[in-house]
Amino acid sequence: MYFLIIAQIPLFFWLSYLMAFLSSIWIDTLYRKNCAILSFPDRQFERAKFRQILLTIAFTTLFCYLSQMTSIAIFTLRFIVAAFLLLIICTDFEQQVIFDKMLLYFACFSLLPIFFQLSNAIDCVIAAFGGGLCFFLLSVLTHGGIGGGDIKLIFTLGLWLGIINLILVILIGFLLGGIAAVFLCLARQKNRKAYFAYGPYFALPALLFYIL
Protein backbone atom coordinates (compact mmCIF):
# COMPACT_ATOMS: atom_id res chain seq x y z
CA MET A 1 0.00 0.00 0.00
CA TYR A 2 2.67 2.53 1.04
CA PHE A 3 4.89 1.57 -1.92
CA LEU A 4 1.95 2.25 -4.25
CA ILE A 5 1.36 5.67 -2.66
CA ILE A 6 5.06 6.57 -3.04
CA ALA A 7 4.97 5.49 -6.69
CA GLN A 8 1.97 7.76 -7.28
CA ILE A 9 3.49 10.88 -5.66
CA PRO A 10 4.67 12.40 -9.02
CA LEU A 11 1.12 12.02 -10.38
CA PHE A 12 -0.33 13.49 -7.19
CA PHE A 13 2.12 16.41 -7.41
CA TRP A 14 1.16 17.36 -10.95
CA LEU A 15 -2.55 16.99 -10.22
CA SER A 16 -2.03 19.16 -7.16
CA TYR A 17 -0.09 21.74 -9.14
CA LEU A 18 -2.95 21.92 -11.64
CA MET A 19 -5.50 22.22 -8.81
CA ALA A 20 -3.46 24.97 -7.17
CA PHE A 21 -3.11 26.81 -10.49
CA LEU A 22 -6.84 26.70 -11.24
CA SER A 23 -7.68 27.62 -7.65
CA SER A 24 -5.39 30.65 -7.81
CA ILE A 25 -7.07 31.78 -11.03
CA TRP A 26 -10.47 31.54 -9.33
CA ILE A 27 -9.28 33.44 -6.24
CA ASP A 28 -7.64 36.18 -8.31
CA THR A 29 -10.82 36.51 -10.38
CA LEU A 30 -12.87 36.93 -7.20
CA TYR A 31 -10.38 39.55 -6.01
CA ARG A 32 -10.72 41.53 -9.23
CA LYS A 33 -14.51 41.42 -9.16
CA ASN A 34 -14.72 42.31 -5.45
CA CYS A 35 -11.80 44.69 -5.04
CA ALA A 36 -13.85 47.08 -2.89
CA ILE A 37 -14.17 44.57 -0.02
CA LEU A 38 -10.51 43.52 0.11
CA SER A 39 -8.54 44.56 3.19
CA PHE A 40 -5.27 44.93 1.28
CA PRO A 41 -6.21 45.67 -2.35
CA ASP A 42 -2.81 47.22 -3.12
CA ARG A 43 -0.86 44.24 -1.75
CA GLN A 44 -2.55 41.35 -3.54
CA PHE A 45 0.60 39.99 -5.19
CA GLU A 46 2.74 40.43 -2.09
CA ARG A 47 0.31 38.62 0.20
CA ALA A 48 -0.32 35.80 -2.31
CA LYS A 49 3.26 35.10 -3.40
CA PHE A 50 3.46 31.75 -1.58
CA ARG A 51 -0.12 30.68 -2.34
CA GLN A 52 0.66 28.47 -5.35
CA ILE A 53 3.39 26.43 -3.69
CA LEU A 54 1.52 26.11 -0.38
CA LEU A 55 -1.64 24.94 -2.13
CA THR A 56 0.39 22.48 -4.22
CA ILE A 57 1.93 21.00 -1.06
CA ALA A 58 -1.46 20.88 0.69
CA PHE A 59 -3.21 19.20 -2.26
CA THR A 60 -0.35 16.70 -2.70
CA THR A 61 -0.57 15.75 0.98
CA LEU A 62 -4.34 15.47 0.63
CA PHE A 63 -4.10 13.17 -2.39
CA CYS A 64 -1.56 10.95 -0.61
CA TYR A 65 -3.78 10.62 2.43
CA LEU A 66 -7.09 10.19 0.62
CA SER A 67 -5.66 7.65 -1.83
CA GLN A 68 -6.02 5.11 1.00
CA MET A 69 -9.81 5.50 0.95
CA THR A 70 -11.62 2.50 -0.53
CA SER A 71 -14.92 4.33 -1.03
CA ILE A 72 -15.18 6.74 -3.97
CA ALA A 73 -18.01 8.60 -2.22
CA ILE A 74 -15.94 9.22 0.93
CA PHE A 75 -12.88 10.20 -1.15
CA THR A 76 -14.97 12.70 -3.13
CA LEU A 77 -16.67 14.26 -0.10
CA ARG A 78 -13.46 14.63 1.88
CA PHE A 79 -11.65 16.13 -1.08
CA ILE A 80 -14.43 18.66 -1.69
CA VAL A 81 -14.46 19.76 1.96
CA ALA A 82 -10.67 20.04 2.15
CA ALA A 83 -10.40 21.92 -1.15
CA PHE A 84 -12.99 24.55 -0.23
CA LEU A 85 -11.57 25.03 3.26
CA LEU A 86 -8.04 25.45 1.89
CA LEU A 87 -9.26 28.19 -0.45
CA ILE A 88 -11.19 29.87 2.36
CA ILE A 89 -8.04 29.83 4.51
CA CYS A 90 -6.13 31.44 1.64
CA THR A 91 -8.54 34.32 1.04
CA ASP A 92 -9.08 35.06 4.72
CA PHE A 93 -5.35 35.12 5.47
CA GLU A 94 -4.53 37.14 2.36
CA GLN A 95 -7.37 39.69 2.32
CA GLN A 96 -9.48 39.00 5.44
CA VAL A 97 -12.46 38.11 3.28
CA ILE A 98 -14.54 34.97 2.76
CA PHE A 99 -16.46 35.16 -0.51
CA ASP A 100 -20.19 34.47 -0.59
CA LYS A 101 -19.88 32.65 -3.91
CA MET A 102 -17.30 30.25 -2.46
CA LEU A 103 -19.49 29.56 0.57
CA LEU A 104 -22.59 29.11 -1.59
CA TYR A 105 -20.93 26.38 -3.67
CA PHE A 106 -19.54 24.81 -0.50
CA ALA A 107 -23.02 24.78 1.09
CA CYS A 108 -24.63 23.28 -2.02
CA PHE A 109 -22.17 20.38 -1.99
CA SER A 110 -23.26 19.59 1.60
CA LEU A 111 -26.30 17.88 0.06
CA LEU A 112 -24.03 15.07 -1.16
CA PRO A 113 -23.36 13.35 2.20
CA ILE A 114 -27.10 13.44 2.88
CA PHE A 115 -27.73 11.87 -0.55
CA PHE A 116 -25.15 9.16 0.18
CA GLN A 117 -26.71 8.69 3.65
CA LEU A 118 -23.41 9.56 5.30
CA SER A 119 -24.83 12.31 7.53
CA ASN A 120 -27.98 13.12 9.47
CA ALA A 121 -29.88 15.91 7.70
CA ILE A 122 -31.74 17.12 10.80
CA ASP A 123 -28.57 17.21 12.90
CA CYS A 124 -26.73 19.19 10.21
CA VAL A 125 -29.56 21.70 9.68
CA ILE A 126 -29.84 22.34 13.44
CA ALA A 127 -26.07 22.80 13.64
CA ALA A 128 -26.07 25.24 10.72
CA PHE A 129 -28.89 27.47 11.96
CA GLY A 130 -27.87 27.22 15.63
CA GLY A 131 -24.24 28.02 14.91
CA GLY A 132 -25.13 30.81 12.49
CA LEU A 133 -27.54 32.39 14.98
CA CYS A 134 -25.00 32.22 17.83
CA PHE A 135 -22.35 33.89 15.69
CA PHE A 136 -24.83 36.54 14.52
CA LEU A 137 -25.56 37.39 18.17
CA LEU A 138 -21.82 37.46 18.90
CA SER A 139 -21.36 39.85 16.00
CA VAL A 140 -24.00 42.17 17.46
CA LEU A 141 -22.58 41.96 20.99
CA THR A 142 -19.01 42.60 19.81
CA HIS A 143 -20.08 45.40 17.43
CA GLY A 144 -18.75 43.60 14.37
CA GLY A 145 -15.89 41.76 16.06
CA ILE A 146 -17.24 38.66 14.32
CA GLY A 147 -17.55 39.35 10.60
CA GLY A 148 -20.35 38.36 8.26
CA GLY A 149 -18.04 35.92 6.52
CA ASP A 150 -17.43 34.09 9.80
CA ILE A 151 -21.18 33.81 10.41
CA LYS A 152 -21.75 32.30 6.97
CA LEU A 153 -18.73 30.02 7.35
CA ILE A 154 -20.05 28.59 10.64
CA PHE A 155 -23.49 28.11 9.05
CA THR A 156 -21.92 26.20 6.15
CA LEU A 157 -19.66 24.13 8.41
CA GLY A 158 -22.74 23.14 10.40
CA LEU A 159 -24.24 21.66 7.23
CA TRP A 160 -21.20 19.43 6.88
CA LEU A 161 -20.23 18.64 10.47
CA GLY A 162 -23.37 18.37 12.58
CA ILE A 163 -23.84 19.68 16.12
CA ILE A 164 -21.10 17.95 18.14
CA ASN A 165 -18.27 18.42 15.65
CA LEU A 166 -19.27 22.04 14.99
CA ILE A 167 -19.14 22.84 18.71
CA LEU A 168 -15.65 21.30 18.93
CA VAL A 169 -14.51 23.23 15.84
CA ILE A 170 -15.78 26.51 17.32
CA LEU A 171 -14.07 25.91 20.67
CA ILE A 172 -10.77 24.93 19.03
CA GLY A 173 -11.06 27.82 16.56
CA PHE A 174 -11.51 30.41 19.30
CA LEU A 175 -8.60 28.90 21.24
CA LEU A 176 -6.24 28.89 18.24
CA GLY A 177 -7.41 32.32 17.11
CA GLY A 178 -6.96 33.76 20.60
CA ILE A 179 -3.41 32.40 20.84
CA ALA A 180 -2.58 33.81 17.38
CA ALA A 181 -4.10 37.19 18.26
CA VAL A 182 -2.04 37.45 21.45
CA PHE A 183 1.12 36.50 19.59
CA LEU A 184 0.46 39.12 16.87
CA CYS A 185 -0.19 41.80 19.49
CA LEU A 186 3.02 40.93 21.34
CA ALA A 187 4.91 41.02 18.03
CA ARG A 188 3.29 44.43 17.33
CA GLN A 189 1.76 43.14 14.09
CA LYS A 190 -1.73 43.96 15.40
CA ASN A 191 -3.24 46.16 18.07
CA ARG A 192 -6.12 45.13 20.29
CA LYS A 193 -8.67 47.12 18.28
CA ALA A 194 -7.57 45.81 14.86
CA TYR A 195 -9.80 43.39 12.93
CA PHE A 196 -8.67 39.78 13.25
CA ALA A 197 -9.55 37.08 10.71
CA TYR A 198 -10.90 34.10 12.65
CA GLY A 199 -12.00 32.18 9.56
CA PRO A 200 -8.79 30.17 9.09
CA TYR A 201 -8.84 29.07 12.74
CA PHE A 202 -12.31 27.57 12.27
CA ALA A 203 -11.56 26.19 8.81
CA LEU A 204 -8.39 24.32 9.80
CA PRO A 205 -9.86 22.19 12.64
CA ALA A 206 -12.99 21.63 10.53
CA LEU A 207 -10.77 20.28 7.73
CA LEU A 208 -8.99 17.92 10.14
CA PHE A 209 -12.24 16.76 11.77
CA TYR A 210 -13.78 15.91 8.41
CA ILE A 211 -10.92 14.14 6.67
CA LEU A 212 -9.29 12.27 9.57
C-alpha atoms as a PDB file:
ATOM      1  CA  MET A   1       0.000   0.000   0.000  1.00  0.00           C
ATOM      2  CA  TYR A   2       2.666   2.533   1.037  1.00  0.00           C
ATOM      3  CA  PHE A   3       4.886   1.574  -1.922  1.00  0.00           C
ATOM      4  CA  LEU A   4       1.946   2.251  -4.249  1.00  0.00           C
ATOM      5  CA  ILE A   5       1.356   5.665  -2.664  1.00  0.00           C
ATOM      6  CA  ILE A   6       5.056   6.569  -3.039  1.00  0.00           C
ATOM      7  CA  ALA A   7       4.972   5.493  -6.688  1.00  0.00           C
ATOM      8  CA  GLN A   8       1.973   7.758  -7.278  1.00  0.00           C
ATOM      9  CA  ILE A   9       3.489  10.879  -5.663  1.00  0.00           C
ATOM     10  CA  PRO A  10       4.666  12.397  -9.020  1.00  0.00           C
ATOM     11  CA  LEU A  11       1.125  12.025 -10.381  1.00  0.00           C
ATOM     12  CA  PHE A  12      -0.330  13.486  -7.185  1.00  0.00           C
ATOM     13  CA  PHE A  13       2.123  16.405  -7.410  1.00  0.00           C
ATOM     14  CA  TRP A  14       1.161  17.363 -10.953  1.00  0.00           C
ATOM     15  CA  LEU A  15      -2.552  16.990 -10.219  1.00  0.00           C
ATOM     16  CA  SER A  16      -2.034  19.162  -7.157  1.00  0.00           C
ATOM     17  CA  TYR A  17      -0.085  21.738  -9.141  1.00  0.00           C
ATOM     18  CA  LEU A  18      -2.953  21.921 -11.636  1.00  0.00           C
ATOM     19  CA  MET A  19      -5.504  22.218  -8.809  1.00  0.00           C
ATOM     20  CA  ALA A  20      -3.456  24.975  -7.172  1.00  0.00           C
ATOM     21  CA  PHE A  21      -3.107  26.811 -10.488  1.00  0.00           C
ATOM     22  CA  LEU A  22      -6.845  26.705 -11.241  1.00  0.00           C
ATOM     23  CA  SER A  23      -7.682  27.621  -7.646  1.00  0.00           C
ATOM     24  CA  SER A  24      -5.390  30.645  -7.811  1.00  0.00           C
ATOM     25  CA  ILE A  25      -7.069  31.780 -11.029  1.00  0.00           C
ATOM     26  CA  TRP A  26     -10.472  31.544  -9.325  1.00  0.00           C
ATOM     27  CA  ILE A  27      -9.275  33.444  -6.238  1.00  0.00           C
ATOM     28  CA  ASP A  28      -7.638  36.182  -8.312  1.00  0.00           C
ATOM     29  CA  THR A  29     -10.824  36.507 -10.378  1.00  0.00           C
ATOM     30  CA  LEU A  30     -12.868  36.930  -7.201  1.00  0.00           C
ATOM     31  CA  TYR A  31     -10.376  39.547  -6.009  1.00  0.00           C
ATOM     32  CA  ARG A  32     -10.717  41.531  -9.229  1.00  0.00           C
ATOM     33  CA  LYS A  33     -14.509  41.421  -9.161  1.00  0.00           C
ATOM     34  CA  ASN A  34     -14.721  42.305  -5.453  1.00  0.00           C
ATOM     35  CA  CYS A  35     -11.798  44.693  -5.039  1.00  0.00           C
ATOM     36  CA  ALA A  36     -13.845  47.077  -2.891  1.00  0.00           C
ATOM     37  CA  ILE A  37     -14.169  44.566  -0.024  1.00  0.00           C
ATOM     38  CA  LEU A  38     -10.511  43.517   0.113  1.00  0.00           C
ATOM     39  CA  SER A  39      -8.543  44.559   3.190  1.00  0.00           C
ATOM     40  CA  PHE A  40      -5.273  44.927   1.279  1.00  0.00           C
ATOM     41  CA  PRO A  41      -6.207  45.668  -2.354  1.00  0.00           C
ATOM     42  CA  ASP A  42      -2.814  47.223  -3.121  1.00  0.00           C
ATOM     43  CA  ARG A  43      -0.865  44.243  -1.755  1.00  0.00           C
ATOM     44  CA  GLN A  44      -2.550  41.350  -3.544  1.00  0.00           C
ATOM     45  CA  PHE A  45       0.597  39.985  -5.191  1.00  0.00           C
ATOM     46  CA  GLU A  46       2.744  40.428  -2.090  1.00  0.00           C
ATOM     47  CA  ARG A  47       0.310  38.617   0.204  1.00  0.00           C
ATOM     48  CA  ALA A  48      -0.316  35.802  -2.309  1.00  0.00           C
ATOM     49  CA  LYS A  49       3.262  35.103  -3.404  1.00  0.00           C
ATOM     50  CA  PHE A  50       3.460  31.751  -1.575  1.00  0.00           C
ATOM     51  CA  ARG A  51      -0.123  30.678  -2.342  1.00  0.00           C
ATOM     52  CA  GLN A  52       0.665  28.474  -5.353  1.00  0.00           C
ATOM     53  CA  ILE A  53       3.393  26.431  -3.686  1.00  0.00           C
ATOM     54  CA  LEU A  54       1.525  26.111  -0.383  1.00  0.00           C
ATOM     55  CA  LEU A  55      -1.643  24.940  -2.126  1.00  0.00           C
ATOM     56  CA  THR A  56       0.390  22.479  -4.216  1.00  0.00           C
ATOM     57  CA  ILE A  57       1.932  21.004  -1.057  1.00  0.00           C
ATOM     58  CA  ALA A  58      -1.455  20.877   0.686  1.00  0.00           C
ATOM     59  CA  PHE A  59      -3.210  19.201  -2.256  1.00  0.00           C
ATOM     60  CA  THR A  60      -0.353  16.697  -2.697  1.00  0.00           C
ATOM     61  CA  THR A  61      -0.574  15.747   0.981  1.00  0.00           C
ATOM     62  CA  LEU A  62      -4.340  15.475   0.633  1.00  0.00           C
ATOM     63  CA  PHE A  63      -4.102  13.169  -2.394  1.00  0.00           C
ATOM     64  CA  CYS A  64      -1.556  10.949  -0.613  1.00  0.00           C
ATOM     65  CA  TYR A  65      -3.785  10.623   2.433  1.00  0.00           C
ATOM     66  CA  LEU A  66      -7.091  10.187   0.621  1.00  0.00           C
ATOM     67  CA  SER A  67      -5.661   7.647  -1.831  1.00  0.00           C
ATOM     68  CA  GLN A  68      -6.022   5.111   1.003  1.00  0.00           C
ATOM     69  CA  MET A  69      -9.814   5.502   0.946  1.00  0.00           C
ATOM     70  CA  THR A  70     -11.624   2.496  -0.528  1.00  0.00           C
ATOM     71  CA  SER A  71     -14.919   4.335  -1.034  1.00  0.00           C
ATOM     72  CA  ILE A  72     -15.178   6.745  -3.970  1.00  0.00           C
ATOM     73  CA  ALA A  73     -18.011   8.605  -2.216  1.00  0.00           C
ATOM     74  CA  ILE A  74     -15.938   9.221   0.926  1.00  0.00           C
ATOM     75  CA  PHE A  75     -12.881  10.201  -1.151  1.00  0.00           C
ATOM     76  CA  THR A  76     -14.971  12.703  -3.129  1.00  0.00           C
ATOM     77  CA  LEU A  77     -16.665  14.263  -0.104  1.00  0.00           C
ATOM     78  CA  ARG A  78     -13.461  14.631   1.882  1.00  0.00           C
ATOM     79  CA  PHE A  79     -11.647  16.132  -1.077  1.00  0.00           C
ATOM     80  CA  ILE A  80     -14.434  18.663  -1.689  1.00  0.00           C
ATOM     81  CA  VAL A  81     -14.455  19.760   1.958  1.00  0.00           C
ATOM     82  CA  ALA A  82     -10.673  20.037   2.147  1.00  0.00           C
ATOM     83  CA  ALA A  83     -10.403  21.923  -1.151  1.00  0.00           C
ATOM     84  CA  PHE A  84     -12.994  24.546  -0.228  1.00  0.00           C
ATOM     85  CA  LEU A  85     -11.572  25.029   3.261  1.00  0.00           C
ATOM     86  CA  LEU A  86      -8.043  25.451   1.893  1.00  0.00           C
ATOM     87  CA  LEU A  87      -9.261  28.191  -0.447  1.00  0.00           C
ATOM     88  CA  ILE A  88     -11.191  29.872   2.365  1.00  0.00           C
ATOM     89  CA  ILE A  89      -8.042  29.826   4.513  1.00  0.00           C
ATOM     90  CA  CYS A  90      -6.131  31.445   1.643  1.00  0.00           C
ATOM     91  CA  THR A  91      -8.542  34.315   1.040  1.00  0.00           C
ATOM     92  CA  ASP A  92      -9.079  35.063   4.723  1.00  0.00           C
ATOM     93  CA  PHE A  93      -5.352  35.118   5.468  1.00  0.00           C
ATOM     94  CA  GLU A  94      -4.532  37.143   2.359  1.00  0.00           C
ATOM     95  CA  GLN A  95      -7.367  39.685   2.322  1.00  0.00           C
ATOM     96  CA  GLN A  96      -9.484  38.998   5.444  1.00  0.00           C
ATOM     97  CA  VAL A  97     -12.459  38.109   3.278  1.00  0.00           C
ATOM     98  CA  ILE A  98     -14.544  34.969   2.758  1.00  0.00           C
ATOM     99  CA  PHE A  99     -16.459  35.158  -0.506  1.00  0.00           C
ATOM    100  CA  ASP A 100     -20.194  34.467  -0.586  1.00  0.00           C
ATOM    101  CA  LYS A 101     -19.879  32.647  -3.911  1.00  0.00           C
ATOM    102  CA  MET A 102     -17.304  30.249  -2.458  1.00  0.00           C
ATOM    103  CA  LEU A 103     -19.491  29.559   0.571  1.00  0.00           C
ATOM    104  CA  LEU A 104     -22.594  29.111  -1.591  1.00  0.00           C
ATOM    105  CA  TYR A 105     -20.931  26.383  -3.669  1.00  0.00           C
ATOM    106  CA  PHE A 106     -19.536  24.811  -0.502  1.00  0.00           C
ATOM    107  CA  ALA A 107     -23.020  24.783   1.093  1.00  0.00           C
ATOM    108  CA  CYS A 108     -24.633  23.279  -2.021  1.00  0.00           C
ATOM    109  CA  PHE A 109     -22.169  20.376  -1.990  1.00  0.00           C
ATOM    110  CA  SER A 110     -23.263  19.589   1.597  1.00  0.00           C
ATOM    111  CA  LEU A 111     -26.304  17.877   0.064  1.00  0.00           C
ATOM    112  CA  LEU A 112     -24.034  15.075  -1.165  1.00  0.00           C
ATOM    113  CA  PRO A 113     -23.359  13.351   2.197  1.00  0.00           C
ATOM    114  CA  ILE A 114     -27.103  13.437   2.877  1.00  0.00           C
ATOM    115  CA  PHE A 115     -27.730  11.874  -0.547  1.00  0.00           C
ATOM    116  CA  PHE A 116     -25.150   9.157   0.178  1.00  0.00           C
ATOM    117  CA  GLN A 117     -26.714   8.690   3.652  1.00  0.00           C
ATOM    118  CA  LEU A 118     -23.408   9.559   5.299  1.00  0.00           C
ATOM    119  CA  SER A 119     -24.827  12.313   7.526  1.00  0.00           C
ATOM    120  CA  ASN A 120     -27.983  13.124   9.467  1.00  0.00           C
ATOM    121  CA  ALA A 121     -29.879  15.909   7.696  1.00  0.00           C
ATOM    122  CA  ILE A 122     -31.735  17.124  10.802  1.00  0.00           C
ATOM    123  CA  ASP A 123     -28.566  17.211  12.904  1.00  0.00           C
ATOM    124  CA  CYS A 124     -26.731  19.193  10.208  1.00  0.00           C
ATOM    125  CA  VAL A 125     -29.560  21.703   9.683  1.00  0.00           C
ATOM    126  CA  ILE A 126     -29.842  22.342  13.443  1.00  0.00           C
ATOM    127  CA  ALA A 127     -26.070  22.796  13.638  1.00  0.00           C
ATOM    128  CA  ALA A 128     -26.069  25.244  10.723  1.00  0.00           C
ATOM    129  CA  PHE A 129     -28.886  27.467  11.960  1.00  0.00           C
ATOM    130  CA  GLY A 130     -27.869  27.217  15.628  1.00  0.00           C
ATOM    131  CA  GLY A 131     -24.240  28.017  14.913  1.00  0.00           C
ATOM    132  CA  GLY A 132     -25.127  30.806  12.488  1.00  0.00           C
ATOM    133  CA  LEU A 133     -27.537  32.385  14.982  1.00  0.00           C
ATOM    134  CA  CYS A 134     -25.003  32.223  17.832  1.00  0.00           C
ATOM    135  CA  PHE A 135     -22.348  33.894  15.692  1.00  0.00           C
ATOM    136  CA  PHE A 136     -24.827  36.542  14.522  1.00  0.00           C
ATOM    137  CA  LEU A 137     -25.563  37.387  18.175  1.00  0.00           C
ATOM    138  CA  LEU A 138     -21.818  37.456  18.896  1.00  0.00           C
ATOM    139  CA  SER A 139     -21.359  39.853  16.001  1.00  0.00           C
ATOM    140  CA  VAL A 140     -24.004  42.175  17.458  1.00  0.00           C
ATOM    141  CA  LEU A 141     -22.582  41.962  20.993  1.00  0.00           C
ATOM    142  CA  THR A 142     -19.010  42.600  19.807  1.00  0.00           C
ATOM    143  CA  HIS A 143     -20.077  45.398  17.429  1.00  0.00           C
ATOM    144  CA  GLY A 144     -18.753  43.600  14.365  1.00  0.00           C
ATOM    145  CA  GLY A 145     -15.887  41.763  16.057  1.00  0.00           C
ATOM    146  CA  ILE A 146     -17.239  38.663  14.320  1.00  0.00           C
ATOM    147  CA  GLY A 147     -17.551  39.352  10.597  1.00  0.00           C
ATOM    148  CA  GLY A 148     -20.355  38.363   8.263  1.00  0.00           C
ATOM    149  CA  GLY A 149     -18.038  35.921   6.520  1.00  0.00           C
ATOM    150  CA  ASP A 150     -17.425  34.086   9.797  1.00  0.00           C
ATOM    151  CA  ILE A 151     -21.182  33.810  10.413  1.00  0.00           C
ATOM    152  CA  LYS A 152     -21.751  32.296   6.967  1.00  0.00           C
ATOM    153  CA  LEU A 153     -18.728  30.018   7.352  1.00  0.00           C
ATOM    154  CA  ILE A 154     -20.049  28.591  10.639  1.00  0.00           C
ATOM    155  CA  PHE A 155     -23.486  28.113   9.052  1.00  0.00           C
ATOM    156  CA  THR A 156     -21.917  26.199   6.152  1.00  0.00           C
ATOM    157  CA  LEU A 157     -19.656  24.132   8.407  1.00  0.00           C
ATOM    158  CA  GLY A 158     -22.738  23.137  10.402  1.00  0.00           C
ATOM    159  CA  LEU A 159     -24.244  21.661   7.233  1.00  0.00           C
ATOM    160  CA  TRP A 160     -21.196  19.432   6.880  1.00  0.00           C
ATOM    161  CA  LEU A 161     -20.227  18.638  10.466  1.00  0.00           C
ATOM    162  CA  GLY A 162     -23.366  18.368  12.579  1.00  0.00           C
ATOM    163  CA  ILE A 163     -23.843  19.683  16.117  1.00  0.00           C
ATOM    164  CA  ILE A 164     -21.102  17.955  18.142  1.00  0.00           C
ATOM    165  CA  ASN A 165     -18.274  18.425  15.649  1.00  0.00           C
ATOM    166  CA  LEU A 166     -19.273  22.035  14.988  1.00  0.00           C
ATOM    167  CA  ILE A 167     -19.141  22.839  18.706  1.00  0.00           C
ATOM    168  CA  LEU A 168     -15.654  21.296  18.929  1.00  0.00           C
ATOM    169  CA  VAL A 169     -14.512  23.228  15.838  1.00  0.00           C
ATOM    170  CA  ILE A 170     -15.782  26.510  17.319  1.00  0.00           C
ATOM    171  CA  LEU A 171     -14.065  25.906  20.669  1.00  0.00           C
ATOM    172  CA  ILE A 172     -10.768  24.929  19.030  1.00  0.00           C
ATOM    173  CA  GLY A 173     -11.063  27.817  16.563  1.00  0.00           C
ATOM    174  CA  PHE A 174     -11.511  30.412  19.299  1.00  0.00           C
ATOM    175  CA  LEU A 175      -8.605  28.902  21.241  1.00  0.00           C
ATOM    176  CA  LEU A 176      -6.237  28.889  18.243  1.00  0.00           C
ATOM    177  CA  GLY A 177      -7.411  32.323  17.114  1.00  0.00           C
ATOM    178  CA  GLY A 178      -6.959  33.756  20.602  1.00  0.00           C
ATOM    179  CA  ILE A 179      -3.405  32.401  20.837  1.00  0.00           C
ATOM    180  CA  ALA A 180      -2.578  33.808  17.384  1.00  0.00           C
ATOM    181  CA  ALA A 181      -4.101  37.194  18.256  1.00  0.00           C
ATOM    182  CA  VAL A 182      -2.045  37.453  21.454  1.00  0.00           C
ATOM    183  CA  PHE A 183       1.120  36.504  19.587  1.00  0.00           C
ATOM    184  CA  LEU A 184       0.464  39.120  16.874  1.00  0.00           C
ATOM    185  CA  CYS A 185      -0.194  41.797  19.491  1.00  0.00           C
ATOM    186  CA  LEU A 186       3.016  40.928  21.336  1.00  0.00           C
ATOM    187  CA  ALA A 187       4.906  41.025  18.030  1.00  0.00           C
ATOM    188  CA  ARG A 188       3.289  44.432  17.332  1.00  0.00           C
ATOM    189  CA  GLN A 189       1.763  43.139  14.094  1.00  0.00           C
ATOM    190  CA  LYS A 190      -1.732  43.957  15.398  1.00  0.00           C
ATOM    191  CA  ASN A 191      -3.236  46.158  18.068  1.00  0.00           C
ATOM    192  CA  ARG A 192      -6.117  45.125  20.286  1.00  0.00           C
ATOM    193  CA  LYS A 193      -8.671  47.118  18.282  1.00  0.00           C
ATOM    194  CA  ALA A 194      -7.569  45.813  14.857  1.00  0.00           C
ATOM    195  CA  TYR A 195      -9.804  43.395  12.928  1.00  0.00           C
ATOM    196  CA  PHE A 196      -8.675  39.780  13.250  1.00  0.00           C
ATOM    197  CA  ALA A 197      -9.554  37.078  10.708  1.00  0.00           C
ATOM    198  CA  TYR A 198     -10.900  34.098  12.653  1.00  0.00           C
ATOM    199  CA  GLY A 199     -12.002  32.177   9.558  1.00  0.00           C
ATOM    200  CA  PRO A 200      -8.785  30.165   9.089  1.00  0.00           C
ATOM    201  CA  TYR A 201      -8.841  29.070  12.738  1.00  0.00           C
ATOM    202  CA  PHE A 202     -12.310  27.569  12.267  1.00  0.00           C
ATOM    203  CA  ALA A 203     -11.559  26.189   8.808  1.00  0.00           C
ATOM    204  CA  LEU A 204      -8.392  24.315   9.801  1.00  0.00           C
ATOM    205  CA  PRO A 205      -9.862  22.194  12.641  1.00  0.00           C
ATOM    206  CA  ALA A 206     -12.986  21.626  10.529  1.00  0.00           C
ATOM    207  CA  LEU A 207     -10.767  20.278   7.731  1.00  0.00           C
ATOM    208  CA  LEU A 208      -8.987  17.923  10.141  1.00  0.00           C
ATOM    209  CA  PHE A 209     -12.237  16.763  11.768  1.00  0.00           C
ATOM    210  CA  TYR A 210     -13.782  15.910   8.409  1.00  0.00           C
ATOM    211  CA  ILE A 211     -10.925  14.140   6.665  1.00  0.00           C
ATOM    212  CA  LEU A 212      -9.287  12.272   9.570  1.00  0.00           C
END
